[in-house]
Amino acid sequence: MRFWSRAVISFAVAFSLLFPISAHAAPSLLEVQAKVRDLQEQATTAAEGAQEAKVELSKLQKTLVTVQQQASQQGASVDALHKTIGAIAAQQYKAGPLSQSLELLFSSDPALYLSTAGSLESVTRKKTADLRKFSVATQRLTATSLTVNDKVSLVKAAQAKFTKQLAIANAKLKEAEELLAKLTAAERERLAKLNEDQENADQQNSLADAGKYGAVSGRGGVAIKYALQQIGDKYVFGAAGLVYWDCSGLTMRAFQAAGVSLPHSSRAQYQYGKSVARKDLQPGDLVFFGKPISHVAIYLGGNRMLHAPRTGSRVKIAEFDMGRKPYIGARRL
């Protein structure tokens, strides 16, 4: 979908302006930081809602195609049976007036025929079977057509949700941009430098720690090894490799390497695997944050996790914490 690609680019460009700010910044910058972070979290939550809608939309569209194909096949079957019934009607016409069975069949409710066909001696057993097939096929086609209409409505609802959530995300980011635009060029440059220094330090620490987590076995271990290889890659919302990632894109590909299929949505991923209590966490478990869920990471053990945090950041190893986004739960695949 072209509009999705344009929206992702708009989202990524706008979001890249939102820099984390050092605790040592001047009070005026700290005030900007608090507001920008709040807007960032609101935008991320809305964007995750858009991603969830995109996943649901894809599933619904596949289902819609399937039921549309069923309706087409059933329609062809009804047409063929209708020709057979037409031949029966022609034969009956030559033999005499239209029989009671055919009058019932071609009435507004052909299904009524089924309750009376057994007592109509003027129609042969073969003709009765053909008439019954036609009536049953017509009922099935009607039911499938209703299902198609229902799925079309669901697709439209998912499309509307996607558009609405993405619009909210972009509105929040625009508001954050306007706040940053009020800073002087020197202040913005300072924030950019602080962000770059922090990211470089995080990458050095992550690479130094990566060797500690390569010995985990099982599917979780395979996922960890895959994700560790992506340390230093940039975050871009909606991306799933092999150079750029968002949080659920990274976990999706990591577990795909382990033979597990996951959707590209943190909220949707929370429905997979089995629930794990926080005290029972093991390396390789997926951990989820935000209310509603808007972030997912891979637990490494020792109160550490591996994740793609946000635009303006990179894939890294970090403390098991997402600040204002509360921990929601964990799943083991």
C-alpha atoms as a PDB file:
ATOM      1  CA  MET A   1       0.000   0.000   0.000  1.00  0.00           C
ATOM      2  CA  ARG A   2       1.575   3.267  -1.159  1.00  0.00           C
ATOM      3  CA  PHE A   3      -0.066   5.390   1.493  1.00  0.00           C
ATOM      4  CA  TRP A   4       1.491   3.167   4.175  1.00  0.00           C
ATOM      5  CA  SER A   5       4.993   3.681   2.758  1.00  0.00           C
ATOM      6  CA  ARG A   6       4.530   7.454   2.621  1.00  0.00           C
ATOM      7  CA  ALA A   7       3.192   7.457   6.153  1.00  0.00           C
ATOM      8  CA  VAL A   8       6.137   5.425   7.464  1.00  0.00           C
ATOM      9  CA  ILE A   9       8.626   7.811   5.831  1.00  0.00           C
ATOM     10  CA  SER A  10       6.810  10.811   7.282  1.00  0.00           C
ATOM     11  CA  PHE A  11       6.738   9.140  10.669  1.00  0.00           C
ATOM     12  CA  ALA A  12      10.438   8.230  10.610  1.00  0.00           C
ATOM     13  CA  VAL A  13      11.630  11.658   9.464  1.00  0.00           C
ATOM     14  CA  ALA A  14       9.575  13.478  12.047  1.00  0.00           C
ATOM     15  CA  PHE A  15      10.423  11.083  14.846  1.00  0.00           C
ATOM     16  CA  SER A  16      14.171  11.330  14.190  1.00  0.00           C
ATOM     17  CA  LEU A  17      14.097  14.872  15.552  1.00  0.00           C
ATOM     18  CA  LEU A  18      13.122  13.659  19.019  1.00  0.00           C
ATOM     19  CA  PHE A  19      16.435  13.369  20.835  1.00  0.00           C
ATOM     20  CA  PRO A  20      16.868  11.989  24.358  1.00  0.00           C
ATOM     21  CA  ILE A  21      18.214  14.761  26.577  1.00  0.00           C
ATOM     22  CA  SER A  22      20.876  14.440  29.226  1.00  0.00           C
ATOM     23  CA  ALA A  23      19.915  14.917  32.865  1.00  0.00           C
ATOM     24  CA  HIS A  24      22.604  17.640  32.997  1.00  0.00           C
ATOM     25  CA  ALA A  25      20.824  19.884  30.471  1.00  0.00           C
ATOM     26  CA  ALA A  26      19.653  23.341  31.462  1.00  0.00           C
ATOM     27  CA  PRO A  27      16.236  23.541  33.194  1.00  0.00           C
ATOM     28  CA  SER A  28      14.602  25.060  30.107  1.00  0.00           C
ATOM     29  CA  LEU A  29      15.767  22.104  28.044  1.00  0.00           C
ATOM     30  CA  LEU A  30      14.545  19.712  30.722  1.00  0.00           C
ATOM     31  CA  GLU A  31      11.086  21.213  30.361  1.00  0.00           C
ATOM     32  CA  VAL A  32      11.254  20.623  26.616  1.00  0.00           C
ATOM     33  CA  GLN A  33      12.499  17.110  27.273  1.00  0.00           C
ATOM     34  CA  ALA A  34       9.532  16.250  29.482  1.00  0.00           C
ATOM     35  CA  LYS A  35       6.999  17.488  26.961  1.00  0.00           C
ATOM     36  CA  VAL A  36       8.736  15.941  23.948  1.00  0.00           C
ATOM     37  CA  ARG A  37       9.028  12.588  25.712  1.00  0.00           C
ATOM     38  CA  ASP A  38       5.351  12.677  26.559  1.00  0.00           C
ATOM     39  CA  LEU A  39       4.484  13.398  22.929  1.00  0.00           C
ATOM     40  CA  GLN A  40       6.928  10.713  21.802  1.00  0.00           C
ATOM     41  CA  GLU A  41       5.225   8.096  23.949  1.00  0.00           C
ATOM     42  CA  GLN A  42       1.782   9.145  22.728  1.00  0.00           C
ATOM     43  CA  ALA A  43       2.978   8.973  19.120  1.00  0.00           C
ATOM     44  CA  THR A  44       4.576   5.556  19.634  1.00  0.00           C
ATOM     45  CA  THR A  45       1.404   4.195  21.193  1.00  0.00           C
ATOM     46  CA  ALA A  46      -0.718   5.506  18.314  1.00  0.00           C
ATOM     47  CA  ALA A  47       1.769   4.204  15.750  1.00  0.00           C
ATOM     48  CA  GLU A  48       1.690   0.771  17.368  1.00  0.00           C
ATOM     49  CA  GLY A  49      -2.091   0.919  17.056  1.00  0.00           C
ATOM     50  CA  ALA A  50      -1.613   1.576  13.344  1.00  0.00           C
ATOM     51  CA  GLN A  51       0.785  -1.364  13.075  1.00  0.00           C
ATOM     52  CA  GLU A  52      -1.705  -3.612  14.866  1.00  0.00           C
ATOM     53  CA  ALA A  53      -4.432  -2.489  12.450  1.00  0.00           C
ATOM     54  CA  LYS A  54      -2.112  -3.189   9.507  1.00  0.00           C
ATOM     55  CA  VAL A  55      -1.537  -6.753  10.701  1.00  0.00           C
ATOM     56  CA  GLU A  56      -5.265  -7.290  11.234  1.00  0.00           C
ATOM     57  CA  LEU A  57      -6.033  -5.746   7.844  1.00  0.00           C
ATOM     58  CA  SER A  58      -3.675  -8.168   6.119  1.00  0.00           C
ATOM     59  CA  LYS A  59      -5.355 -11.154   7.802  1.00  0.00           C
ATOM     60  CA  LEU A  60      -8.829  -9.892   6.931  1.00  0.00           C
ATOM     61  CA  GLN A  61      -7.903  -9.277   3.304  1.00  0.00           C
ATOM     62  CA  LYS A  62      -6.626 -12.847   2.965  1.00  0.00           C
ATOM     63  CA  THR A  63      -9.825 -14.176   4.521  1.00  0.00           C
ATOM     64  CA  LEU A  64     -11.903 -11.974   2.238  1.00  0.00           C
ATOM     65  CA  VAL A  65     -10.146 -13.330  -0.851  1.00  0.00           C
ATOM     66  CA  THR A  66     -10.848 -16.887   0.340  1.00  0.00           C
ATOM     67  CA  VAL A  67     -14.581 -16.349   0.913  1.00  0.00           C
ATOM     68  CA  GLN A  68     -14.882 -14.418  -2.355  1.00  0.00           C
ATOM     69  CA  GLN A  69     -13.368 -17.394  -4.164  1.00  0.00           C
ATOM     70  CA  GLN A  70     -15.816 -19.688  -2.369  1.00  0.00           C
ATOM     71  CA  ALA A  71     -18.705 -17.453  -3.412  1.00  0.00           C
ATOM     72  CA  SER A  72     -17.498 -17.499  -7.020  1.00  0.00           C
ATOM     73  CA  GLN A  73     -17.229 -21.294  -7.059  1.00  0.00           C
ATOM     74  CA  GLN A  74     -20.619 -21.691  -5.408  1.00  0.00           C
ATOM     75  CA  GLY A  75     -22.144 -19.221  -7.867  1.00  0.00           C
ATOM     76  CA  ALA A  76     -20.825 -21.270 -10.783  1.00  0.00           C
ATOM     77  CA  SER A  77     -22.290 -24.417  -9.214  1.00  0.00           C
ATOM     78  CA  VAL A  78     -25.673 -22.740  -8.760  1.00  0.00           C
ATOM     79  CA  ASP A  79     -25.621 -21.564 -12.389  1.00  0.00           C
ATOM     80  CA  ALA A  80     -24.877 -25.077 -13.626  1.00  0.00           C
ATOM     81  CA  LEU A  81     -27.629 -26.568 -11.473  1.00  0.00           C
ATOM     82  CA  HIS A  82     -30.011 -23.855 -12.610  1.00  0.00           C
ATOM     83  CA  LYS A  83     -29.478 -24.975 -16.217  1.00  0.00           C
ATOM     84  CA  THR A  84     -30.277 -28.531 -15.169  1.00  0.00           C
ATOM     85  CA  ILE A  85     -33.445 -27.349 -13.445  1.00  0.00           C
ATOM     86  CA  GLY A  86     -34.335 -25.368 -16.571  1.00  0.00           C
ATOM     87  CA  ALA A  87     -34.115 -28.548 -18.613  1.00  0.00           C
ATOM     88  CA  ILE A  88     -36.395 -30.289 -16.126  1.00  0.00           C
ATOM     89  CA  ALA A  89     -38.878 -27.430 -16.407  1.00  0.00           C
ATOM     90  CA  ALA A  90     -38.800 -27.644 -20.210  1.00  0.00           C
ATOM     91  CA  GLN A  91     -39.458 -31.370 -20.108  1.00  0.00           C
ATOM     92  CA  GLN A  92     -42.286 -30.879 -17.659  1.00  0.00           C
ATOM     93  CA  TYR A  93     -43.801 -28.149 -19.842  1.00  0.00           C
ATOM     94  CA  LYS A  94     -43.887 -30.496 -22.822  1.00  0.00           C
ATOM     95  CA  ALA A  95     -45.532 -33.131 -20.667  1.00  0.00           C
ATOM     96  CA  GLY A  96     -48.152 -30.776 -19.266  1.00  0.00           C
ATOM     97  CA  PRO A  97     -48.709 -27.793 -16.940  1.00  0.00           C
ATOM     98  CA  LEU A  98     -45.880 -26.744 -14.600  1.00  0.00           C
ATOM     99  CA  SER A  99     -45.811 -29.170 -11.706  1.00  0.00           C
ATOM    100  CA  GLN A 100     -46.332 -28.225  -8.089  1.00  0.00           C
ATOM    101  CA  SER A 101     -42.679 -29.080  -7.377  1.00  0.00           C
ATOM    102  CA  LEU A 102     -41.372 -26.620  -9.953  1.00  0.00           C
ATOM    103  CA  GLU A 103     -43.807 -23.932  -8.875  1.00  0.00           C
ATOM    104  CA  LEU A 104     -42.386 -24.249  -5.371  1.00  0.00           C
ATOM    105  CA  LEU A 105     -38.812 -24.302  -6.642  1.00  0.00           C
ATOM    106  CA  PHE A 106     -39.136 -21.100  -8.646  1.00  0.00           C
ATOM    107  CA  SER A 107     -41.080 -19.311  -5.919  1.00  0.00           C
ATOM    108  CA  SER A 108     -39.494 -16.629  -3.706  1.00  0.00           C
ATOM    109  CA  ASP A 109     -38.296 -19.383  -1.343  1.00  0.00           C
ATOM    110  CA  PRO A 110     -37.134 -22.459  -3.342  1.00  0.00           C
ATOM    111  CA  ALA A 111     -36.052 -24.132  -0.082  1.00  0.00           C
ATOM    112  CA  LEU A 112     -39.725 -24.867   0.602  1.00  0.00           C
ATOM    113  CA  TYR A 113     -39.407 -27.570  -2.030  1.00  0.00           C
ATOM    114  CA  LEU A 114     -37.370 -29.768   0.332  1.00  0.00           C
ATOM    115  CA  SER A 115     -40.290 -30.259   2.700  1.00  0.00           C
ATOM    116  CA  THR A 116     -42.690 -31.395  -0.036  1.00  0.00           C
ATOM    117  CA  ALA A 117     -40.621 -33.035  -2.771  1.00  0.00           C
ATOM    118  CA  GLY A 118     -40.958 -36.491  -1.265  1.00  0.00           C
ATOM    119  CA  SER A 119     -44.716 -36.481  -1.771  1.00  0.00           C
ATOM    120  CA  LEU A 120     -44.739 -35.210  -5.343  1.00  0.00           C
ATOM    121  CA  GLU A 121     -45.049 -38.283  -7.531  1.00  0.00           C
ATOM    122  CA  SER A 122     -44.847 -36.360 -10.823  1.00  0.00           C
ATOM    123  CA  VAL A 123     -41.068 -35.777 -10.444  1.00  0.00           C
ATOM    124  CA  THR A 124     -38.682 -38.676 -10.851  1.00  0.00           C
ATOM    125  CA  ARG A 125     -36.113 -39.610  -8.232  1.00  0.00           C
ATOM    126  CA  LYS A 126     -33.289 -38.235 -10.425  1.00  0.00           C
ATOM    127  CA  LYS A 127     -35.082 -34.938 -10.873  1.00  0.00           C
ATOM    128  CA  THR A 128     -35.765 -34.764  -7.155  1.00  0.00           C
ATOM    129  CA  ALA A 129     -32.037 -35.142  -6.430  1.00  0.00           C
ATOM    130  CA  ASP A 130     -31.167 -32.368  -8.892  1.00  0.00           C
ATOM    131  CA  LEU A 131     -33.757 -30.064  -7.391  1.00  0.00           C
ATOM    132  CA  ARG A 132     -32.476 -30.773  -3.890  1.00  0.00           C
ATOM    133  CA  LYS A 133     -28.887 -30.018  -4.934  1.00  0.00           C
ATOM    134  CA  PHE A 134     -29.990 -26.720  -6.436  1.00  0.00           C
ATOM    135  CA  SER A 135     -31.840 -25.666  -3.309  1.00  0.00           C
ATOM    136  CA  VAL A 136     -28.939 -26.571  -0.993  1.00  0.00           C
ATOM    137  CA  ALA A 137     -26.401 -24.840  -3.271  1.00  0.00           C
ATOM    138  CA  THR A 138     -28.547 -21.701  -3.341  1.00  0.00           C
ATOM    139  CA  GLN A 139     -28.695 -21.606   0.458  1.00  0.00           C
ATOM    140  CA  ARG A 140     -24.921 -22.047   0.721  1.00  0.00           C
ATOM    141  CA  LEU A 141     -24.312 -19.255  -1.768  1.00  0.00           C
ATOM    142  CA  THR A 142     -26.586 -16.936   0.204  1.00  0.00           C
ATOM    143  CA  ALA A 143     -24.716 -17.715   3.447  1.00  0.00           C
ATOM    144  CA  THR A 144     -21.312 -17.198   1.810  1.00  0.00           C
ATOM    145  CA  SER A 145     -22.449 -13.907   0.290  1.00  0.00           C
ATOM    146  CA  LEU A 146     -23.413 -12.692   3.758  1.00  0.00           C
ATOM    147  CA  THR A 147     -19.952 -13.702   5.009  1.00  0.00           C
ATOM    148  CA  VAL A 148     -18.324 -11.735   2.178  1.00  0.00           C
ATOM    149  CA  ASN A 149     -20.321  -8.641   3.128  1.00  0.00           C
ATOM    150  CA  ASP A 150     -19.292  -9.072   6.770  1.00  0.00           C
ATOM    151  CA  LYS A 151     -15.591  -9.384   5.890  1.00  0.00           C
ATOM    152  CA  VAL A 152     -15.779  -6.328   3.628  1.00  0.00           C
ATOM    153  CA  SER A 153     -17.142  -4.329   6.576  1.00  0.00           C
ATOM    154  CA  LEU A 154     -14.332  -5.564   8.832  1.00  0.00           C
ATOM    155  CA  VAL A 155     -11.710  -4.658   6.225  1.00  0.00           C
ATOM    156  CA  LYS A 156     -13.115  -1.132   5.972  1.00  0.00           C
ATOM    157  CA  ALA A 157     -13.075  -0.803   9.771  1.00  0.00           C
ATOM    158  CA  ALA A 158      -9.434  -1.936   9.965  1.00  0.00           C
ATOM    159  CA  GLN A 159      -8.467   0.513   7.210  1.00  0.00           C
ATOM    160  CA  ALA A 160     -10.201   3.329   9.092  1.00  0.00           C
ATOM    161  CA  LYS A 161      -8.425   2.405  12.333  1.00  0.00           C
ATOM    162  CA  PHE A 162      -5.055   2.329  10.580  1.00  0.00           C
ATOM    163  CA  THR A 163      -5.604   5.762   9.041  1.00  0.00           C
ATOM    164  CA  LYS A 164      -6.845   7.278  12.302  1.00  0.00           C
ATOM    165  CA  GLN A 165      -4.002   5.921  14.452  1.00  0.00           C
ATOM    166  CA  LEU A 166      -1.339   7.026  11.993  1.00  0.00           C
ATOM    167  CA  ALA A 167      -2.875  10.498  11.825  1.00  0.00           C
ATOM    168  CA  ILE A 168      -2.744  10.748  15.625  1.00  0.00           C
ATOM    169  CA  ALA A 169       0.911   9.665  15.635  1.00  0.00           C
ATOM    170  CA  ASN A 170       1.885  12.235  13.026  1.00  0.00           C
ATOM    171  CA  ALA A 171      -0.055  14.977  14.846  1.00  0.00           C
ATOM    172  CA  LYS A 172       1.847  14.267  18.074  1.00  0.00           C
ATOM    173  CA  LEU A 173       5.161  14.295  16.228  1.00  0.00           C
ATOM    174  CA  LYS A 174       4.316  17.577  14.534  1.00  0.00           C
ATOM    175  CA  GLU A 175       3.581  19.085  17.933  1.00  0.00           C
ATOM    176  CA  ALA A 176       6.951  17.848  19.191  1.00  0.00           C
ATOM    177  CA  GLU A 177       8.692  19.314  16.131  1.00  0.00           C
ATOM    178  CA  GLU A 178       7.118  22.671  16.868  1.00  0.00           C
ATOM    179  CA  LEU A 179       8.484  22.570  20.414  1.00  0.00           C
ATOM    180  CA  LEU A 180      11.982  21.765  19.181  1.00  0.00           C
ATOM    181  CA  ALA A 181      11.748  24.498  16.556  1.00  0.00           C
ATOM    182  CA  LYS A 182      11.434  27.053  19.351  1.00  0.00           C
ATOM    183  CA  LEU A 183      14.944  26.198  20.555  1.00  0.00           C
ATOM    184  CA  THR A 184      17.933  28.062  19.205  1.00  0.00           C
ATOM    185  CA  ALA A 185      20.164  26.424  16.628  1.00  0.00           C
ATOM    186  CA  ALA A 186      22.874  26.114  19.278  1.00  0.00           C
ATOM    187  CA  GLU A 187      20.493  24.315  21.643  1.00  0.00           C
ATOM    188  CA  ARG A 188      19.379  21.887  18.957  1.00  0.00           C
ATOM    189  CA  GLU A 189      22.992  21.208  18.046  1.00  0.00           C
ATOM    190  CA  ARG A 190      23.771  20.540  21.687  1.00  0.00           C
ATOM    191  CA  LEU A 191      20.905  18.065  21.947  1.00  0.00           C
ATOM    192  CA  ALA A 192      22.059  16.279  18.799  1.00  0.00           C
ATOM    193  CA  LYS A 193      25.600  15.992  20.183  1.00  0.00           C
ATOM    194  CA  LEU A 194      24.347  14.672  23.518  1.00  0.00           C
ATOM    195  CA  ASN A 195      22.276  12.072  21.696  1.00  0.00           C
ATOM    196  CA  GLU A 196      25.177  10.999  19.520  1.00  0.00           C
ATOM    197  CA  ASP A 197      27.517  10.668  22.495  1.00  0.00           C
ATOM    198  CA  GLN A 198      24.976   8.614  24.426  1.00  0.00           C
ATOM    199  CA  GLU A 199      24.299   6.329  21.469  1.00  0.00           C
ATOM    200  CA  ASN A 200      28.002   5.738  20.883  1.00  0.00           C
ATOM    201  CA  ALA A 201      28.492   4.837  24.537  1.00  0.00           C
ATOM    202  CA  ASP A 202      25.504   2.481  24.454  1.00  0.00           C
ATOM    203  CA  GLN A 203      26.847   0.737  21.361  1.00  0.00           C
ATOM    204  CA  GLN A 204      30.285   0.219  22.872  1.00  0.00           C
ATOM    205  CA  ASN A 205      28.754  -1.234  26.031  1.00  0.00           C
ATOM    206  CA  SER A 206      26.356  -3.446  24.058  1.00  0.00           C
ATOM    207  CA  LEU A 207      29.108  -4.883  21.879  1.00  0.00           C
ATOM    208  CA  ALA A 208      31.267  -5.493  24.946  1.00  0.00           C
ATOM    209  CA  ASP A 209      28.413  -7.356  26.678  1.00  0.00           C
ATOM    210  CA  ALA A 210      27.180  -9.316  23.643  1.00  0.00           C
ATOM    211  CA  GLY A 211      29.549 -12.220  24.261  1.00  0.00           C
ATOM    212  CA  LYS A 212      27.885 -12.951  27.596  1.00  0.00           C
ATOM    213  CA  TYR A 213      24.613 -14.014  26.002  1.00  0.00           C
ATOM    214  CA  GLY A 214      25.597 -16.254  23.097  1.00  0.00           C
ATOM    215  CA  ALA A 215      25.407 -19.594  24.935  1.00  0.00           C
ATOM    216  CA  VAL A 216      21.634 -19.765  25.471  1.00  0.00           C
ATOM    217  CA  SER A 217      20.063 -22.939  24.004  1.00  0.00           C
ATOM    218  CA  GLY A 218      16.707 -23.576  22.352  1.00  0.00           C
ATOM    219  CA  ARG A 219      14.603 -21.285  20.204  1.00  0.00           C
ATOM    220  CA  GLY A 220      15.175 -18.382  22.557  1.00  0.00           C
ATOM    221  CA  GLY A 221      18.911 -18.847  22.149  1.00  0.00           C
ATOM    222  CA  VAL A 222      18.666 -18.779  18.355  1.00  0.00           C
ATOM    223  CA  ALA A 223      16.585 -15.592  18.553  1.00  0.00           C
ATOM    224  CA  ILE A 224      19.117 -13.963  20.884  1.00  0.00           C
ATOM    225  CA  LYS A 225      22.046 -14.827  18.602  1.00  0.00           C
ATOM    226  CA  TYR A 226      20.207 -13.356  15.617  1.00  0.00           C
ATOM    227  CA  ALA A 227      19.274 -10.155  17.431  1.00  0.00           C
ATOM    228  CA  LEU A 228      22.793  -9.702  18.841  1.00  0.00           C
ATOM    229  CA  GLN A 229      24.079  -9.535  15.261  1.00  0.00           C
ATOM    230  CA  GLN A 230      21.874  -6.481  14.673  1.00  0.00           C
ATOM    231  CA  ILE A 231      23.405  -4.369  17.466  1.00  0.00           C
ATOM    232  CA  GLY A 232      24.119  -0.912  16.092  1.00  0.00           C
ATOM    233  CA  ASP A 233      21.418  -1.004  13.397  1.00  0.00           C
ATOM    234  CA  LYS A 234      19.153   2.044  13.296  1.00  0.00           C
ATOM    235  CA  TYR A 235      15.541   2.110  14.422  1.00  0.00           C
ATOM    236  CA  VAL A 236      12.934   3.010  11.797  1.00  0.00           C
ATOM    237  CA  PHE A 237       9.249   2.571  12.538  1.00  0.00           C
ATOM    238  CA  GLY A 238       7.646  -0.196  10.467  1.00  0.00           C
ATOM    239  CA  ALA A 239      11.012  -1.713   9.468  1.00  0.00           C
ATOM    240  CA  ALA A 240      11.862  -5.408   9.791  1.00  0.00           C
ATOM    241  CA  GLY A 241      15.469  -5.656   8.557  1.00  0.00           C
ATOM    242  CA  LEU A 242      17.898  -6.204   7.316  1.00  0.00           C
ATOM    243  CA  VAL A 243      19.421  -2.783   8.037  1.00  0.00           C
ATOM    244  CA  TYR A 244      16.634  -0.963   9.879  1.00  0.00           C
ATOM    245  CA  TRP A 245      14.311  -2.254  12.598  1.00  0.00           C
ATOM    246  CA  ASP A 246      11.469  -1.366  14.874  1.00  0.00           C
ATOM    247  CA  CYS A 247      10.891  -3.289  18.106  1.00  0.00           C
ATOM    248  CA  SER A 248       8.464  -5.928  16.814  1.00  0.00           C
ATOM    249  CA  GLY A 249      10.239  -6.183  13.461  1.00  0.00           C
ATOM    250  CA  LEU A 250      13.422  -7.220  15.286  1.00  0.00           C
ATOM    251  CA  THR A 251      11.688  -9.815  17.468  1.00  0.00           C
ATOM    252  CA  MET A 252       9.703 -11.129  14.499  1.00  0.00           C
ATOM    253  CA  ARG A 253      12.847 -11.773  12.430  1.00  0.00           C
ATOM    254  CA  ALA A 254      14.813 -13.093  15.413  1.00  0.00           C
ATOM    255  CA  PHE A 255      12.243 -15.791  16.137  1.00  0.00           C
ATOM    256  CA  GLN A 256      11.709 -16.443  12.444  1.00  0.00           C
ATOM    257  CA  ALA A 257      15.349 -17.554  12.456  1.00  0.00           C
ATOM    258  CA  ALA A 258      14.343 -19.999  15.200  1.00  0.00           C
ATOM    259  CA  GLY A 259      11.440 -21.370  13.163  1.00  0.00           C
ATOM    260  CA  VAL A 260       8.681 -19.390  14.906  1.00  0.00           C
ATOM    261  CA  SER A 261       6.285 -17.239  12.874  1.00  0.00           C
ATOM    262  CA  LEU A 262       5.176 -13.991  14.557  1.00  0.00           C
ATOM    263  CA  PRO A 263       3.182 -10.996  13.286  1.00  0.00           C
ATOM    264  CA  HIS A 264       4.827  -7.576  12.955  1.00  0.00           C
ATOM    265  CA  SER A 265       3.102  -6.010  15.965  1.00  0.00           C
ATOM    266  CA  SER A 266       4.043  -5.989  19.653  1.00  0.00           C
ATOM    267  CA  ARG A 267       0.383  -6.193  20.675  1.00  0.00           C
ATOM    268  CA  ALA A 268      -0.241  -9.123  18.355  1.00  0.00           C
ATOM    269  CA  GLN A 269       2.949 -10.898  19.497  1.00  0.00           C
ATOM    270  CA  TYR A 270       1.664 -10.773  23.072  1.00  0.00           C
ATOM    271  CA  GLN A 271      -0.979 -13.326  22.042  1.00  0.00           C
ATOM    272  CA  TYR A 272       1.652 -15.948  21.131  1.00  0.00           C
ATOM    273  CA  GLY A 273       3.436 -18.494  23.314  1.00  0.00           C
ATOM    274  CA  LYS A 274       2.688 -19.016  27.002  1.00  0.00           C
ATOM    275  CA  SER A 275       2.588 -16.453  29.778  1.00  0.00           C
ATOM    276  CA  VAL A 276       5.597 -16.267  32.100  1.00  0.00           C
ATOM    277  CA  ALA A 277       5.685 -14.672  35.561  1.00  0.00           C
ATOM    278  CA  ARG A 278       8.342 -12.021  36.037  1.00  0.00           C
ATOM    279  CA  LYS A 279      10.109 -14.111  38.685  1.00  0.00           C
ATOM    280  CA  ASP A 280      10.363 -17.001  36.199  1.00  0.00           C
ATOM    281  CA  LEU A 281      11.852 -15.059  33.277  1.00  0.00           C
ATOM    282  CA  GLN A 282      14.489 -16.867  31.226  1.00  0.00           C
ATOM    283  CA  PRO A 283      16.815 -15.648  28.451  1.00  0.00           C
ATOM    284  CA  GLY A 284      14.911 -15.651  25.165  1.00  0.00           C
ATOM    285  CA  ASP A 285      11.529 -14.708  26.630  1.00  0.00           C
ATOM    286  CA  LEU A 286       9.706 -11.802  24.999  1.00  0.00           C
ATOM    287  CA  VAL A 287       8.962  -8.949  27.410  1.00  0.00           C
ATOM    288  CA  PHE A 288       6.278  -6.330  26.766  1.00  0.00           C
ATOM    289  CA  PHE A 289       5.826  -2.735  27.879  1.00  0.00           C
ATOM    290  CA  GLY A 290       3.222   0.036  27.634  1.00  0.00           C
ATOM    291  CA  LYS A 291      -0.465   0.321  28.408  1.00  0.00           C
ATOM    292  CA  PRO A 292      -1.708  -0.397  25.790  1.00  0.00           C
ATOM    293  CA  ILE A 293       1.293  -2.460  24.697  1.00  0.00           C
ATOM    294  CA  SER A 294       3.627  -0.455  22.477  1.00  0.00           C
ATOM    295  CA  HIS A 295       7.047  -2.105  22.938  1.00  0.00           C
ATOM    296  CA  VAL A 296       8.597  -5.574  22.938  1.00  0.00           C
ATOM    297  CA  ALA A 297      12.145  -6.737  23.740  1.00  0.00           C
ATOM    298  CA  ILE A 298      14.071 -10.000  24.190  1.00  0.00           C
ATOM    299  CA  TYR A 299      15.023 -10.786  27.781  1.00  0.00           C
ATOM    300  CA  LEU A 300      18.694 -11.680  28.225  1.00  0.00           C
ATOM    301  CA  GLY A 301      18.854 -12.446  31.937  1.00  0.00           C
ATOM    302  CA  GLY A 302      20.519 -10.489  34.724  1.00  0.00           C
ATOM    303  CA  ASN A 303      17.913  -7.708  34.429  1.00  0.00           C
ATOM    304  CA  ARG A 304      19.035  -6.955  30.863  1.00  0.00           C
ATOM    305  CA  MET A 305      17.194  -6.988  27.546  1.00  0.00           C
ATOM    306  CA  LEU A 306      17.939  -6.569  23.843  1.00  0.00           C
ATOM    307  CA  HIS A 307      15.723  -4.297  21.782  1.00  0.00           C
ATOM    308  CA  ALA A 308      15.224  -1.637  19.114  1.00  0.00           C
ATOM    309  CA  PRO A 309      14.111   1.281  21.319  1.00  0.00           C
ATOM    310  CA  ARG A 310      12.926   4.207  19.200  1.00  0.00           C
ATOM    311  CA  THR A 311      13.710   6.405  16.198  1.00  0.00           C
ATOM    312  CA  GLY A 312      16.964   8.260  16.766  1.00  0.00           C
ATOM    313  CA  SER A 313      18.363   5.228  18.572  1.00  0.00           C
ATOM    314  CA  ARG A 314      19.932   1.908  17.616  1.00  0.00           C
ATOM    315  CA  VAL A 315      19.526  -1.772  18.472  1.00  0.00           C
ATOM    316  CA  LYS A 316      21.185  -2.247  21.848  1.00  0.00           C
ATOM    317  CA  ILE A 317      21.421  -4.106  25.145  1.00  0.00           C
ATOM    318  CA  ALA A 318      19.774  -2.151  27.938  1.00  0.00           C
ATOM    319  CA  GLU A 319      18.461  -2.338  31.477  1.00  0.00           C
ATOM    320  CA  PHE A 320      15.183  -4.207  31.879  1.00  0.00           C
ATOM    321  CA  ASP A 321      13.122  -1.016  32.051  1.00  0.00           C
ATOM    322  CA  MET A 322      11.224   1.302  29.719  1.00  0.00           C
ATOM    323  CA  GLY A 323      10.815   4.323  31.986  1.00  0.00           C
ATOM    324  CA  ARG A 324       7.265   5.601  31.807  1.00  0.00           C
ATOM    325  CA  LYS A 325       6.084   2.556  29.876  1.00  0.00           C
ATOM    326  CA  PRO A 326       5.093  -0.027  32.507  1.00  0.00           C
ATOM    327  CA  TYR A 327       6.077  -3.672  32.252  1.00  0.00           C
ATOM    328  CA  ILE A 328       3.027  -5.681  31.161  1.00  0.00           C
ATOM    329  CA  GLY A 329       4.151  -9.289  30.935  1.00  0.00           C
ATOM    330  CA  ALA A 330       6.249 -11.905  29.158  1.00  0.00           C
ATOM    331  CA  ARG A 331       5.683 -14.743  26.705  1.00  0.00           C
ATOM    332  CA  ARG A 332       7.774 -17.852  26.081  1.00  0.00           C
ATOM    333  CA  LEU A 333       7.747 -19.266  22.545  1.00  0.00           C
END
